């Protein structure tokens, strides 16, 4: 089964990351043990970090008019910082994978199965 992991953490951490902003190639060169393990196991299919919520645009269509909003669709203390698409036998395995993610120790990992069809 395929699962989407939404990696969420406190929005204040986005400000800290922006101050340390690195070019993509530098960030990818650094070691990330969770990522290395999941790639080696063939569990992680795709994923990436997301830019800060301050760079988000929310799109709504109401009565045929396109309405744009700055920032994420909801004001919350936590925001989606990135995502991973994983392939696991079942939800139990996906939860174990999510629990190993380092952000789970200070943020939250939402695990959602894809529609099968």
PDB file of N, CA and C in Angstrom:
ATOM      1  N   UNK A   1       0.837  -1.186   0.000  1.00  0.00           N
ATOM      2  CA  UNK A   1       0.000   0.000   0.000  1.00  0.00           C
ATOM      3  C   UNK A   1       0.881   1.248   0.000  1.00  0.00           C
ATOM      4  N   UNK A   2       0.399   2.266  -0.698  1.00  0.00           N
ATOM      5  CA  UNK A   2       1.103   3.544  -0.692  1.00  0.00           C
ATOM      6  C   UNK A   2       0.497   4.450   0.369  1.00  0.00           C
ATOM      7  N   UNK A   3       1.381   5.183   1.052  1.00  0.00           N
ATOM      8  CA  UNK A   3       0.965   6.130   2.092  1.00  0.00           C
ATOM      9  C   UNK A   3       1.648   7.471   1.845  1.00  0.00           C
ATOM     10  N   UNK A   4       0.940   8.529   2.195  1.00  0.00           N
ATOM     11  CA  UNK A   4       1.511   9.875   2.214  1.00  0.00           C
ATOM     12  C   UNK A   4       1.832  10.200   3.661  1.00  0.00           C
ATOM     13  N   UNK A   5       3.064  10.607   3.900  1.00  0.00           N
ATOM     14  CA  UNK A   5       3.453  11.110   5.212  1.00  0.00           C
ATOM     15  C   UNK A   5       3.586  12.623   5.102  1.00  0.00           C
ATOM     16  N   UNK A   6       2.778  13.342   5.865  1.00  0.00           N
ATOM     17  CA  UNK A   6       2.893  14.793   5.922  1.00  0.00           C
ATOM     18  C   UNK A   6       3.729  15.132   7.143  1.00  0.00           C
ATOM     19  N   UNK A   7       4.875  15.741   6.902  1.00  0.00           N
ATOM     20  CA  UNK A   7       5.831  16.064   7.963  1.00  0.00           C
ATOM     21  C   UNK A   7       5.523  17.476   8.443  1.00  0.00           C
ATOM     22  N   UNK A   8       5.093  17.596   9.701  1.00  0.00           N
ATOM     23  CA  UNK A   8       4.651  18.879  10.236  1.00  0.00           C
ATOM     24  C   UNK A   8       5.483  19.272  11.450  1.00  0.00           C
ATOM     25  N   UNK A   9       5.736  20.560  11.560  1.00  0.00           N
ATOM     26  CA  UNK A   9       6.388  21.054  12.769  1.00  0.00           C
ATOM     27  C   UNK A   9       6.005  22.501  13.013  1.00  0.00           C
ATOM     28  N   UNK A  10       6.411  22.993  14.170  1.00  0.00           N
ATOM     29  CA  UNK A  10       6.103  24.345  14.614  1.00  0.00           C
ATOM     30  C   UNK A  10       6.540  25.352  13.552  1.00  0.00           C
ATOM     31  N   UNK A  11       5.665  26.298  13.240  1.00  0.00           N
ATOM     32  CA  UNK A  11       5.970  27.280  12.193  1.00  0.00           C
ATOM     33  C   UNK A  11       7.192  28.129  12.509  1.00  0.00           C
ATOM     34  N   UNK A  12       7.528  28.305  13.790  1.00  0.00           N
ATOM     35  CA  UNK A  12       8.699  29.108  14.134  1.00  0.00           C
ATOM     36  C   UNK A  12       9.981  28.460  13.623  1.00  0.00           C
ATOM     37  N   UNK A  13       9.980  27.149  13.447  1.00  0.00           N
ATOM     38  CA  UNK A  13      11.172  26.469  12.937  1.00  0.00           C
ATOM     39  C   UNK A  13      11.434  26.806  11.470  1.00  0.00           C
ATOM     40  N   UNK A  14      10.387  27.193  10.723  1.00  0.00           N
ATOM     41  CA  UNK A  14      10.584  27.616   9.343  1.00  0.00           C
ATOM     42  C   UNK A  14      11.463  28.856   9.287  1.00  0.00           C
ATOM     43  N   UNK A  15      11.270  29.767  10.260  1.00  0.00           N
ATOM     44  CA  UNK A  15      12.085  30.975  10.298  1.00  0.00           C
ATOM     45  C   UNK A  15      13.549  30.633  10.550  1.00  0.00           C
ATOM     46  N   UNK A  16      13.797  29.664  11.442  1.00  0.00           N
ATOM     47  CA  UNK A  16      15.165  29.224  11.710  1.00  0.00           C
ATOM     48  C   UNK A  16      15.793  28.615  10.470  1.00  0.00           C
ATOM     49  N   UNK A  17      15.010  27.802   9.733  1.00  0.00           N
ATOM     50  CA  UNK A  17      15.522  27.165   8.517  1.00  0.00           C
ATOM     51  C   UNK A  17      15.821  28.190   7.435  1.00  0.00           C
ATOM     52  N   UNK A  18      14.976  29.226   7.335  1.00  0.00           N
ATOM     53  CA  UNK A  18      15.199  30.256   6.323  1.00  0.00           C
ATOM     54  C   UNK A  18      16.510  30.982   6.567  1.00  0.00           C
ATOM     55  N   UNK A  19      16.850  31.183   7.829  1.00  0.00           N
ATOM     56  CA  UNK A  19      18.102  31.856   8.169  1.00  0.00           C
ATOM     57  C   UNK A  19      19.300  31.011   7.760  1.00  0.00           C
ATOM     58  N   UNK A  20      19.109  29.693   7.740  1.00  0.00           N
ATOM     59  CA  UNK A  20      20.186  28.778   7.376  1.00  0.00           C
ATOM     60  C   UNK A  20      20.000  28.255   5.957  1.00  0.00           C
ATOM     61  N   UNK A  21      19.171  28.919   5.155  1.00  0.00           N
ATOM     62  CA  UNK A  21      18.807  28.434   3.823  1.00  0.00           C
ATOM     63  C   UNK A  21      20.043  28.024   3.038  1.00  0.00           C
ATOM     64  N   UNK A  22      20.002  26.803   2.504  1.00  0.00           N
ATOM     65  CA  UNK A  22      21.111  26.267   1.719  1.00  0.00           C
ATOM     66  C   UNK A  22      20.636  26.003   0.306  1.00  0.00           C
ATOM     67  N   UNK A  23      21.529  26.068  -0.661  1.00  0.00           N
ATOM     68  CA  UNK A  23      21.148  25.635  -2.000  1.00  0.00           C
ATOM     69  C   UNK A  23      20.749  24.160  -1.957  1.00  0.00           C
ATOM     70  N   UNK A  24      19.842  23.748  -2.837  1.00  0.00           N
ATOM     71  CA  UNK A  24      19.310  22.381  -2.834  1.00  0.00           C
ATOM     72  C   UNK A  24      20.408  21.329  -2.905  1.00  0.00           C
ATOM     73  N   UNK A  25      21.420  21.563  -3.740  1.00  0.00           N
ATOM     74  CA  UNK A  25      22.466  20.546  -3.882  1.00  0.00           C
ATOM     75  C   UNK A  25      23.261  20.352  -2.593  1.00  0.00           C
ATOM     76  N   UNK A  26      23.424  21.412  -1.807  1.00  0.00           N
ATOM     77  CA  UNK A  26      24.126  21.294  -0.529  1.00  0.00           C
ATOM     78  C   UNK A  26      23.283  20.507   0.465  1.00  0.00           C
ATOM     79  N   UNK A  27      21.980  20.814   0.536  1.00  0.00           N
ATOM     80  CA  UNK A  27      21.090  20.119   1.463  1.00  0.00           C
ATOM     81  C   UNK A  27      21.020  18.634   1.123  1.00  0.00           C
ATOM     82  N   UNK A  28      21.027  18.281  -0.154  1.00  0.00           N
ATOM     83  CA  UNK A  28      20.923  16.887  -0.556  1.00  0.00           C
ATOM     84  C   UNK A  28      22.209  16.125  -0.273  1.00  0.00           C
ATOM     85  N   UNK A  29      23.346  16.807  -0.225  1.00  0.00           N
ATOM     86  CA  UNK A  29      24.621  16.142   0.009  1.00  0.00           C
ATOM     87  C   UNK A  29      24.805  15.729   1.467  1.00  0.00           C
ATOM     88  N   UNK A  30      24.069  16.368   2.384  1.00  0.00           N
ATOM     89  CA  UNK A  30      24.239  16.047   3.798  1.00  0.00           C
ATOM     90  C   UNK A  30      23.565  14.715   4.126  1.00  0.00           C
ATOM     91  N   UNK A  31      24.072  14.053   5.157  1.00  0.00           N
ATOM     92  CA  UNK A  31      23.555  12.754   5.549  1.00  0.00           C
ATOM     93  C   UNK A  31      22.258  12.902   6.327  1.00  0.00           C
ATOM     94  N   UNK A  32      21.308  12.053   6.058  1.00  0.00           N
ATOM     95  CA  UNK A  32      20.029  12.018   6.743  1.00  0.00           C
ATOM     96  C   UNK A  32      19.719  10.539   6.952  1.00  0.00           C
ATOM     97  N   UNK A  33      20.107   9.967   8.096  1.00  0.00           N
ATOM     98  CA  UNK A  33      20.024   8.522   8.307  1.00  0.00           C
ATOM     99  C   UNK A  33      18.654   7.909   8.030  1.00  0.00           C
ATOM    100  N   UNK A  34      17.562   8.570   8.437  1.00  0.00           N
ATOM    101  CA  UNK A  34      16.235   8.028   8.174  1.00  0.00           C
ATOM    102  C   UNK A  34      16.021   7.873   6.674  1.00  0.00           C
ATOM    103  N   UNK A  35      16.352   8.913   5.939  1.00  0.00           N
ATOM    104  CA  UNK A  35      16.189   8.894   4.490  1.00  0.00           C
ATOM    105  C   UNK A  35      17.054   7.810   3.863  1.00  0.00           C
ATOM    106  N   UNK A  36      18.305   7.735   4.275  1.00  0.00           N
ATOM    107  CA  UNK A  36      19.212   6.710   3.745  1.00  0.00           C
ATOM    108  C   UNK A  36      18.649   5.310   3.972  1.00  0.00           C
ATOM    109  N   UNK A  37      18.117   5.069   5.174  1.00  0.00           N
ATOM    110  CA  UNK A  37      17.564   3.746   5.491  1.00  0.00           C
ATOM    111  C   UNK A  37      16.326   3.438   4.649  1.00  0.00           C
ATOM    112  N   UNK A  38      15.410   4.394   4.522  1.00  0.00           N
ATOM    113  CA  UNK A  38      14.163   4.137   3.796  1.00  0.00           C
ATOM    114  C   UNK A  38      14.407   3.947   2.295  1.00  0.00           C
ATOM    115  N   UNK A  39      15.375   4.655   1.754  1.00  0.00           N
ATOM    116  CA  UNK A  39      15.728   4.454   0.346  1.00  0.00           C
ATOM    117  C   UNK A  39      16.345   3.072   0.174  1.00  0.00           C
ATOM    118  N   UNK A  40      17.267   2.700   1.066  1.00  0.00           N
ATOM    119  CA  UNK A  40      17.920   1.392   0.983  1.00  0.00           C
ATOM    120  C   UNK A  40      16.904   0.254   1.100  1.00  0.00           C
ATOM    121  N   UNK A  41      15.870   0.435   1.923  1.00  0.00           N
ATOM    122  CA  UNK A  41      14.841  -0.595   2.101  1.00  0.00           C
ATOM    123  C   UNK A  41      13.817  -0.592   0.978  1.00  0.00           C
ATOM    124  N   UNK A  42      13.836   0.434   0.110  1.00  0.00           N
ATOM    125  CA  UNK A  42      12.863   0.527  -0.977  1.00  0.00           C
ATOM    126  C   UNK A  42      11.494   0.985  -0.510  1.00  0.00           C
ATOM    127  N   UNK A  43      11.433   1.590   0.686  1.00  0.00           N
ATOM    128  CA  UNK A  43      10.169   2.043   1.264  1.00  0.00           C
ATOM    129  C   UNK A  43       9.779   3.414   0.718  1.00  0.00           C
ATOM    130  N   UNK A  44      10.721   4.334   0.643  1.00  0.00           N
ATOM    131  CA  UNK A  44      10.426   5.715   0.233  1.00  0.00           C
ATOM    132  C   UNK A  44      10.416   5.810  -1.283  1.00  0.00           C
ATOM    133  N   UNK A  45       9.296   6.256  -1.827  1.00  0.00           N
ATOM    134  CA  UNK A  45       9.135   6.386  -3.271  1.00  0.00           C
ATOM    135  C   UNK A  45       9.413   7.800  -3.761  1.00  0.00           C
ATOM    136  N   UNK A  46       9.088   8.804  -2.914  1.00  0.00           N
ATOM    137  CA  UNK A  46       9.257  10.202  -3.297  1.00  0.00           C
ATOM    138  C   UNK A  46       9.155  11.049  -2.040  1.00  0.00           C
ATOM    139  N   UNK A  47       9.599  12.268  -2.114  1.00  0.00           N
ATOM    140  CA  UNK A  47       9.461  13.190  -0.991  1.00  0.00           C
ATOM    141  C   UNK A  47      10.345  14.395  -1.179  1.00  0.00           C
ATOM    142  N   UNK A  48      10.049  15.437  -0.403  1.00  0.00           N
ATOM    143  CA  UNK A  48      10.849  16.652  -0.476  1.00  0.00           C
ATOM    144  C   UNK A  48      10.434  17.590   0.644  1.00  0.00           C
ATOM    145  N   UNK A  49      11.285  18.565   0.917  1.00  0.00           N
ATOM    146  CA  UNK A  49      10.947  19.642   1.841  1.00  0.00           C
ATOM    147  C   UNK A  49      10.083  20.646   1.095  1.00  0.00           C
ATOM    148  N   UNK A  50       9.317  21.417   1.844  1.00  0.00           N
ATOM    149  CA  UNK A  50       8.511  22.484   1.262  1.00  0.00           C
ATOM    150  C   UNK A  50       9.024  23.826   1.754  1.00  0.00           C
ATOM    151  N   UNK A  51       8.835  24.853   0.941  1.00  0.00           N
ATOM    152  CA  UNK A  51       9.204  26.202   1.354  1.00  0.00           C
ATOM    153  C   UNK A  51       8.305  26.628   2.508  1.00  0.00           C
ATOM    154  N   UNK A  52       8.640  27.674   3.259  1.00  0.00           N
ATOM    155  CA  UNK A  52       7.866  28.097   4.431  1.00  0.00           C
ATOM    156  C   UNK A  52       6.416  28.467   4.090  1.00  0.00           C
ATOM    157  N   UNK A  53       5.520  28.364   5.069  1.00  0.00           N
ATOM    158  CA  UNK A  53       4.119  28.734   4.848  1.00  0.00           C
ATOM    159  C   UNK A  53       3.955  30.167   4.349  1.00  0.00           C
ATOM    160  N   UNK A  54       4.890  31.043   4.693  1.00  0.00           N
ATOM    161  CA  UNK A  54       4.800  32.438   4.225  1.00  0.00           C
ATOM    162  C   UNK A  54       4.898  32.536   2.708  1.00  0.00           C
ATOM    163  N   UNK A  55       5.376  31.487   2.049  1.00  0.00           N
ATOM    164  CA  UNK A  55       5.487  31.486   0.589  1.00  0.00           C
ATOM    165  C   UNK A  55       4.344  30.713  -0.080  1.00  0.00           C
ATOM    166  N   UNK A  56       3.369  30.262   0.733  1.00  0.00           N
ATOM    167  CA  UNK A  56       2.243  29.498   0.198  1.00  0.00           C
ATOM    168  C   UNK A  56       1.186  30.424  -0.387  1.00  0.00           C
ATOM    169  N   UNK A  57       0.447  29.917  -1.350  1.00  0.00           N
ATOM    170  CA  UNK A  57      -0.728  30.581  -1.897  1.00  0.00           C
ATOM    171  C   UNK A  57      -1.874  29.589  -1.854  1.00  0.00           C
ATOM    172  N   UNK A  58      -2.991  30.001  -1.284  1.00  0.00           N
ATOM    173  CA  UNK A  58      -4.183  29.156  -1.235  1.00  0.00           C
ATOM    174  C   UNK A  58      -5.123  29.598  -2.341  1.00  0.00           C
ATOM    175  N   UNK A  59      -5.608  28.634  -3.117  1.00  0.00           N
ATOM    176  CA  UNK A  59      -6.482  28.906  -4.262  1.00  0.00           C
ATOM    177  C   UNK A  59      -7.870  28.356  -3.959  1.00  0.00           C
ATOM    178  N   UNK A  60      -8.864  29.216  -4.119  1.00  0.00           N
ATOM    179  CA  UNK A  60     -10.269  28.816  -3.993  1.00  0.00           C
ATOM    180  C   UNK A  60     -11.022  29.348  -5.203  1.00  0.00           C
ATOM    181  N   UNK A  61     -12.043  28.629  -5.622  1.00  0.00           N
ATOM    182  CA  UNK A  61     -12.925  29.123  -6.686  1.00  0.00           C
ATOM    183  C   UNK A  61     -14.325  29.200  -6.084  1.00  0.00           C
ATOM    184  N   UNK A  62     -14.882  30.384  -6.082  1.00  0.00           N
ATOM    185  CA  UNK A  62     -16.222  30.619  -5.541  1.00  0.00           C
ATOM    186  C   UNK A  62     -17.027  31.397  -6.571  1.00  0.00           C
ATOM    187  N   UNK A  63     -18.152  30.827  -6.979  1.00  0.00           N
ATOM    188  CA  UNK A  63     -19.011  31.503  -7.967  1.00  0.00           C
ATOM    189  C   UNK A  63     -18.273  31.797  -9.257  1.00  0.00           C
ATOM    190  N   UNK A  64     -17.335  30.922  -9.633  1.00  0.00           N
ATOM    191  CA  UNK A  64     -16.574  31.105 -10.867  1.00  0.00           C
ATOM    192  C   UNK A  64     -15.391  32.040 -10.747  1.00  0.00           C
ATOM    193  N   UNK A  65     -15.237  32.702  -9.613  1.00  0.00           N
ATOM    194  CA  UNK A  65     -14.113  33.622  -9.414  1.00  0.00           C
ATOM    195  C   UNK A  65     -12.990  32.902  -8.672  1.00  0.00           C
ATOM    196  N   UNK A  66     -11.761  33.133  -9.143  1.00  0.00           N
ATOM    197  CA  UNK A  66     -10.587  32.564  -8.492  1.00  0.00           C
ATOM    198  C   UNK A  66     -10.153  33.514  -7.389  1.00  0.00           C
ATOM    199  N   UNK A  67     -10.120  32.980  -6.170  1.00  0.00           N
ATOM    200  CA  UNK A  67      -9.721  33.770  -5.016  1.00  0.00           C
ATOM    201  C   UNK A  67      -8.392  33.249  -4.499  1.00  0.00           C
ATOM    202  N   UNK A  68      -7.428  34.124  -4.329  1.00  0.00           N
ATOM    203  CA  UNK A  68      -6.106  33.750  -3.843  1.00  0.00           C
ATOM    204  C   UNK A  68      -5.893  34.286  -2.441  1.00  0.00           C
ATOM    205  N   UNK A  69      -5.254  33.473  -1.624  1.00  0.00           N
ATOM    206  CA  UNK A  69      -4.929  33.903  -0.265  1.00  0.00           C
ATOM    207  C   UNK A  69      -3.457  33.667  -0.001  1.00  0.00           C
ATOM    208  N   UNK A  70      -2.861  34.542   0.801  1.00  0.00           N
ATOM    209  CA  UNK A  70      -1.469  34.350   1.190  1.00  0.00           C
ATOM    210  C   UNK A  70      -1.403  33.317   2.300  1.00  0.00           C
ATOM    211  N   UNK A  71      -0.388  32.493   2.264  1.00  0.00           N
ATOM    212  CA  UNK A  71      -0.153  31.541   3.333  1.00  0.00           C
ATOM    213  C   UNK A  71      -0.975  30.278   3.193  1.00  0.00           C
ATOM    214  N   UNK A  72      -0.849  29.407   4.192  1.00  0.00           N
ATOM    215  CA  UNK A  72      -1.560  28.124   4.158  1.00  0.00           C
ATOM    216  C   UNK A  72      -3.056  28.329   4.340  1.00  0.00           C
ATOM    217  N   UNK A  73      -3.841  27.291   4.065  1.00  0.00           N
ATOM    218  CA  UNK A  73      -5.296  27.412   4.127  1.00  0.00           C
ATOM    219  C   UNK A  73      -5.817  27.577   5.547  1.00  0.00           C
ATOM    220  N   UNK A  74      -5.026  27.217   6.548  1.00  0.00           N
ATOM    221  CA  UNK A  74      -5.468  27.345   7.941  1.00  0.00           C
ATOM    222  C   UNK A  74      -4.358  27.963   8.781  1.00  0.00           C
ATOM    223  N   UNK A  75      -4.754  28.771   9.735  1.00  0.00           N
ATOM    224  CA  UNK A  75      -3.794  29.338  10.690  1.00  0.00           C
ATOM    225  C   UNK A  75      -3.613  28.337  11.821  1.00  0.00           C
ATOM    226  N   UNK A  76      -2.443  27.756  11.923  1.00  0.00           N
ATOM    227  CA  UNK A  76      -2.166  26.794  12.986  1.00  0.00           C
ATOM    228  C   UNK A  76      -0.752  27.015  13.493  1.00  0.00           C
ATOM    229  N   UNK A  77      -0.450  26.411  14.626  1.00  0.00           N
ATOM    230  CA  UNK A  77       0.904  26.505  15.169  1.00  0.00           C
ATOM    231  C   UNK A  77       1.855  25.623  14.367  1.00  0.00           C
ATOM    232  N   UNK A  78       1.331  24.489  13.852  1.00  0.00           N
ATOM    233  CA  UNK A  78       2.153  23.587  13.047  1.00  0.00           C
ATOM    234  C   UNK A  78       1.773  23.715  11.578  1.00  0.00           C
ATOM    235  N   UNK A  79       2.746  23.509  10.719  1.00  0.00           N
ATOM    236  CA  UNK A  79       2.507  23.569   9.282  1.00  0.00           C
ATOM    237  C   UNK A  79       3.239  22.411   8.621  1.00  0.00           C
ATOM    238  N   UNK A  80       2.814  22.071   7.423  1.00  0.00           N
ATOM    239  CA  UNK A  80       3.461  20.997   6.671  1.00  0.00           C
ATOM    240  C   UNK A  80       4.815  21.496   6.188  1.00  0.00           C
ATOM    241  N   UNK A  81       5.856  20.782   6.581  1.00  0.00           N
ATOM    242  CA  UNK A  81       7.223  21.160   6.225  1.00  0.00           C
ATOM    243  C   UNK A  81       7.738  20.337   5.046  1.00  0.00           C
ATOM    244  N   UNK A  82       7.125  19.196   4.801  1.00  0.00           N
ATOM    245  CA  UNK A  82       7.556  18.330   3.721  1.00  0.00           C
ATOM    246  C   UNK A  82       6.658  17.118   3.650  1.00  0.00           C
ATOM    247  N   UNK A  83       7.000  16.219   2.742  1.00  0.00           N
ATOM    248  CA  UNK A  83       6.182  15.026   2.560  1.00  0.00           C
ATOM    249  C   UNK A  83       7.066  13.873   2.129  1.00  0.00           C
ATOM    250  N   UNK A  84       6.575  12.679   2.341  1.00  0.00           N
ATOM    251  CA  UNK A  84       7.209  11.472   1.836  1.00  0.00           C
ATOM    252  C   UNK A  84       6.104  10.536   1.374  1.00  0.00           C
ATOM    253  N   UNK A  85       6.300   9.925   0.227  1.00  0.00           N
ATOM    254  CA  UNK A  85       5.407   8.879  -0.252  1.00  0.00           C
ATOM    255  C   UNK A  85       6.136   7.571   0.014  1.00  0.00           C
ATOM    256  N   UNK A  86       5.483   6.695   0.769  1.00  0.00           N
ATOM    257  CA  UNK A  86       6.122   5.441   1.143  1.00  0.00           C
ATOM    258  C   UNK A  86       5.264   4.258   0.697  1.00  0.00           C
ATOM    259  N   UNK A  87       5.899   3.134   0.520  1.00  0.00           N
ATOM    260  CA  UNK A  87       5.230   1.882   0.159  1.00  0.00           C
ATOM    261  C   UNK A  87       5.457   0.910   1.303  1.00  0.00           C
ATOM    262  N   UNK A  88       4.368   0.474   1.926  1.00  0.00           N
ATOM    263  CA  UNK A  88       4.451  -0.438   3.070  1.00  0.00           C
ATOM    264  C   UNK A  88       3.398  -1.535   2.923  1.00  0.00           C
ATOM    265  N   UNK A  89       3.600  -2.613   3.638  1.00  0.00           N
ATOM    266  CA  UNK A  89       2.658  -3.734   3.584  1.00  0.00           C
ATOM    267  C   UNK A  89       1.291  -3.340   4.142  1.00  0.00           C
ATOM    268  N   UNK A  90       1.296  -2.514   5.200  1.00  0.00           N
ATOM    269  CA  UNK A  90       0.040  -2.132   5.846  1.00  0.00           C
ATOM    270  C   UNK A  90       0.266  -0.887   6.699  1.00  0.00           C
ATOM    271  N   UNK A  91      -0.802  -0.431   7.351  1.00  0.00           N
ATOM    272  CA  UNK A  91      -0.718   0.771   8.182  1.00  0.00           C
ATOM    273  C   UNK A  91       0.251   0.584   9.339  1.00  0.00           C
ATOM    274  N   UNK A  92       0.304  -0.600   9.911  1.00  0.00           N
ATOM    275  CA  UNK A  92       1.229  -0.836  11.026  1.00  0.00           C
ATOM    276  C   UNK A  92       2.675  -0.577  10.619  1.00  0.00           C
ATOM    277  N   UNK A  93       3.063  -1.061   9.448  1.00  0.00           N
ATOM    278  CA  UNK A  93       4.427  -0.817   8.974  1.00  0.00           C
ATOM    279  C   UNK A  93       4.644   0.664   8.688  1.00  0.00           C
ATOM    280  N   UNK A  94       3.643   1.323   8.096  1.00  0.00           N
ATOM    281  CA  UNK A  94       3.759   2.756   7.806  1.00  0.00           C
ATOM    282  C   UNK A  94       3.933   3.564   9.086  1.00  0.00           C
ATOM    283  N   UNK A  95       3.244   3.172  10.141  1.00  0.00           N
ATOM    284  CA  UNK A  95       3.380   3.858  11.429  1.00  0.00           C
ATOM    285  C   UNK A  95       4.786   3.665  11.987  1.00  0.00           C
ATOM    286  N   UNK A  96       5.345   2.481  11.842  1.00  0.00           N
ATOM    287  CA  UNK A  96       6.716   2.236  12.312  1.00  0.00           C
ATOM    288  C   UNK A  96       7.713   3.102  11.542  1.00  0.00           C
ATOM    289  N   UNK A  97       7.499   3.224  10.239  1.00  0.00           N
ATOM    290  CA  UNK A  97       8.370   4.075   9.413  1.00  0.00           C
ATOM    291  C   UNK A  97       8.255   5.527   9.872  1.00  0.00           C
ATOM    292  N   UNK A  98       7.030   5.997  10.074  1.00  0.00           N
ATOM    293  CA  UNK A  98       6.799   7.381  10.502  1.00  0.00           C
ATOM    294  C   UNK A  98       7.413   7.638  11.880  1.00  0.00           C
ATOM    295  N   UNK A  99       7.320   6.664  12.771  1.00  0.00           N
ATOM    296  CA  UNK A  99       7.852   6.833  14.122  1.00  0.00           C
ATOM    297  C   UNK A  99       9.369   6.962  14.129  1.00  0.00           C
ATOM    298  N   UNK A 100      10.029   6.424  13.107  1.00  0.00           N
ATOM    299  CA  UNK A 100      11.490   6.541  13.013  1.00  0.00           C
ATOM    300  C   UNK A 100      11.935   7.897  12.454  1.00  0.00           C
ATOM    301  N   UNK A 101      11.017   8.631  11.819  1.00  0.00           N
ATOM    302  CA  UNK A 101      11.368   9.927  11.218  1.00  0.00           C
ATOM    303  C   UNK A 101      11.784  10.889  12.323  1.00  0.00           C
ATOM    304  N   UNK A 102      12.903  11.588  12.163  1.00  0.00           N
ATOM    305  CA  UNK A 102      13.389  12.464  13.241  1.00  0.00           C
ATOM    306  C   UNK A 102      12.430  13.583  13.628  1.00  0.00           C
ATOM    307  N   UNK A 103      11.610  14.071  12.715  1.00  0.00           N
ATOM    308  CA  UNK A 103      10.681  15.150  13.052  1.00  0.00           C
ATOM    309  C   UNK A 103       9.592  14.658  14.005  1.00  0.00           C
ATOM    310  N   UNK A 104       9.335  13.353  14.045  1.00  0.00           N
ATOM    311  CA  UNK A 104       8.322  12.810  14.958  1.00  0.00           C
ATOM    312  C   UNK A 104       8.666  13.104  16.417  1.00  0.00           C
ATOM    313  N   UNK A 105       9.940  13.364  16.705  1.00  0.00           N
ATOM    314  CA  UNK A 105      10.364  13.636  18.085  1.00  0.00           C
ATOM    315  C   UNK A 105      10.034  15.048  18.556  1.00  0.00           C
ATOM    316  N   UNK A 106       9.808  15.993  17.624  1.00  0.00           N
ATOM    317  CA  UNK A 106       9.470  17.358  18.037  1.00  0.00           C
ATOM    318  C   UNK A 106       8.304  17.949  17.262  1.00  0.00           C
ATOM    319  N   UNK A 107       7.846  17.266  16.232  1.00  0.00           N
ATOM    320  CA  UNK A 107       6.714  17.713  15.426  1.00  0.00           C
ATOM    321  C   UNK A 107       5.688  16.601  15.348  1.00  0.00           C
ATOM    322  N   UNK A 108       5.111  16.426  14.171  1.00  0.00           N
ATOM    323  CA  UNK A 108       4.113  15.371  13.960  1.00  0.00           C
ATOM    324  C   UNK A 108       4.237  14.846  12.535  1.00  0.00           C
ATOM    325  N   UNK A 109       3.962  13.559  12.383  1.00  0.00           N
ATOM    326  CA  UNK A 109       3.931  12.939  11.071  1.00  0.00           C
ATOM    327  C   UNK A 109       2.513  12.409  10.873  1.00  0.00           C
ATOM    328  N   UNK A 110       1.803  12.958   9.910  1.00  0.00           N
ATOM    329  CA  UNK A 110       0.470  12.453   9.575  1.00  0.00           C
ATOM    330  C   UNK A 110       0.641  11.387   8.499  1.00  0.00           C
ATOM    331  N   UNK A 111       0.081  10.219   8.726  1.00  0.00           N
ATOM    332  CA  UNK A 111       0.188   9.095   7.784  1.00  0.00           C
ATOM    333  C   UNK A 111      -1.200   8.864   7.197  1.00  0.00           C
ATOM    334  N   UNK A 112      -1.287   8.922   5.860  1.00  0.00           N
ATOM    335  CA  UNK A 112      -2.565   8.710   5.189  1.00  0.00           C
ATOM    336  C   UNK A 112      -2.405   7.764   4.017  1.00  0.00           C
ATOM    337  N   UNK A 113      -3.266   6.742   3.926  1.00  0.00           N
ATOM    338  CA  UNK A 113      -3.196   5.859   2.769  1.00  0.00           C
ATOM    339  C   UNK A 113      -3.748   6.552   1.525  1.00  0.00           C
ATOM    340  N   UNK A 114      -3.198   6.185   0.378  1.00  0.00           N
ATOM    341  CA  UNK A 114      -3.745   6.646  -0.894  1.00  0.00           C
ATOM    342  C   UNK A 114      -5.020   5.840  -1.179  1.00  0.00           C
ATOM    343  N   UNK A 115      -5.927   6.410  -1.954  1.00  0.00           N
ATOM    344  CA  UNK A 115      -7.081   5.650  -2.428  1.00  0.00           C
ATOM    345  C   UNK A 115      -6.560   4.538  -3.315  1.00  0.00           C
ATOM    346  N   UNK A 116      -7.042   3.346  -3.099  1.00  0.00           N
ATOM    347  CA  UNK A 116      -6.675   2.227  -3.967  1.00  0.00           C
ATOM    348  C   UNK A 116      -7.798   2.052  -4.978  1.00  0.00           C
ATOM    349  N   UNK A 117      -7.403   1.952  -6.226  1.00  0.00           N
ATOM    350  CA  UNK A 117      -8.486   1.802  -7.191  1.00  0.00           C
ATOM    351  C   UNK A 117      -8.032   1.492  -8.556  1.00  0.00           C
TER     352      UNK A 117
END
